[in-house]
């Protein structure tokens, strides 16, 4: 919060308050998140448009590959006598 007060004296209390609200909505409280959000507000979309994480926009490969681990390969149980 000390960092937010410092930024508010430079950038204005309204803008920092807006960024803090977006940070709370998005759950962004790590180092430099407030600066990142303030930069985003200044550079792009109007404040208030929070884009939540969504599976339709994921770059992850998914979990289909893990499905094979739950089904071991078929092993024939027939015994052959030579």
Protein backbone atom coordinates (compact mmCIF):
# COMPACT_ATOMS: atom_id res chain seq x y z
CA UNK A 1 0.00 0.00 0.00
CA UNK A 2 2.94 2.33 0.55
CA UNK A 3 3.80 1.91 -3.13
CA UNK A 4 0.19 2.74 -4.06
CA UNK A 5 0.34 5.95 -2.02
CA UNK A 6 3.61 6.93 -3.73
CA UNK A 7 2.11 6.28 -7.16
CA UNK A 8 -1.06 8.19 -6.26
CA UNK A 9 0.92 11.33 -5.47
CA UNK A 10 2.48 11.17 -8.94
CA UNK A 11 -0.33 9.77 -11.12
CA UNK A 12 -3.40 10.84 -9.20
CA UNK A 13 -5.52 9.13 -6.60
CA UNK A 14 -8.39 8.28 -8.93
CA UNK A 15 -6.20 6.37 -11.38
CA UNK A 16 -4.42 4.40 -8.62
CA UNK A 17 -7.74 3.67 -6.90
CA UNK A 18 -9.05 2.32 -10.20
CA UNK A 19 -5.94 0.15 -10.60
CA UNK A 20 -6.25 -1.17 -7.05
CA UNK A 21 -9.86 -2.13 -7.74
CA UNK A 22 -8.84 -4.01 -10.88
CA UNK A 23 -6.00 -5.70 -8.99
CA UNK A 24 -8.46 -6.88 -6.35
CA UNK A 25 -10.90 -8.16 -8.98
CA UNK A 26 -8.16 -10.03 -10.86
CA UNK A 27 -6.37 -11.23 -7.72
CA UNK A 28 -3.12 -9.58 -8.79
CA UNK A 29 -1.04 -8.64 -5.75
CA UNK A 30 2.52 -9.66 -6.58
CA UNK A 31 5.45 -7.29 -7.12
CA UNK A 32 4.92 -4.70 -9.83
CA UNK A 33 1.33 -5.79 -10.60
CA UNK A 34 0.02 -2.33 -9.73
CA UNK A 35 2.51 -0.73 -12.13
CA UNK A 36 1.54 -3.23 -14.82
CA UNK A 37 -2.16 -2.50 -14.37
CA UNK A 38 -1.56 1.26 -14.40
CA UNK A 39 0.41 0.89 -17.63
CA UNK A 40 -2.36 -1.19 -19.13
CA UNK A 41 -4.97 1.39 -18.18
CA UNK A 42 -2.90 4.13 -19.76
CA UNK A 43 -2.15 2.22 -22.96
CA UNK A 44 -5.24 0.26 -23.90
CA UNK A 45 -8.75 -0.72 -22.93
CA UNK A 46 -10.99 1.34 -20.68
CA UNK A 47 -10.78 0.41 -17.01
CA UNK A 48 -13.37 -2.03 -15.77
CA UNK A 49 -12.99 -4.55 -18.57
CA UNK A 50 -11.41 -7.42 -16.68
CA UNK A 51 -10.67 -10.47 -18.80
CA UNK A 52 -10.84 -13.60 -16.65
CA UNK A 53 -8.84 -16.71 -17.49
CA UNK A 54 -10.87 -18.98 -19.75
CA UNK A 55 -10.26 -22.48 -21.13
CA UNK A 56 -11.24 -21.34 -24.64
CA UNK A 57 -8.18 -19.04 -24.72
CA UNK A 58 -5.68 -21.42 -23.13
CA UNK A 59 -2.38 -22.31 -24.77
CA UNK A 60 -2.04 -25.43 -22.66
CA UNK A 61 -1.87 -28.78 -24.42
CA UNK A 62 -4.63 -30.15 -22.25
CA UNK A 63 -4.84 -33.39 -20.32
CA UNK A 64 -5.73 -35.88 -23.05
CA UNK A 65 -2.18 -37.28 -22.98
CA UNK A 66 -2.56 -38.21 -19.33
CA UNK A 67 -5.54 -40.40 -20.17
CA UNK A 68 -3.22 -43.14 -21.46
CA UNK A 69 -1.68 -43.46 -18.00
CA UNK A 70 -4.94 -44.66 -16.51
CA UNK A 71 -5.32 -47.39 -19.17
CA UNK A 72 -2.31 -49.73 -19.31
CA UNK A 73 -1.59 -51.31 -22.68
CA UNK A 74 -3.33 -54.59 -23.41
CA UNK A 75 -1.12 -57.57 -22.61
CA UNK A 76 -2.07 -60.97 -23.94
CA UNK A 77 -2.43 -63.56 -21.16
CA UNK A 78 -2.22 -66.58 -23.47
CA UNK A 79 0.52 -69.03 -22.68
CA UNK A 80 2.26 -70.82 -25.48
CA UNK A 81 3.93 -74.17 -25.09
CA UNK A 82 6.74 -75.01 -27.45
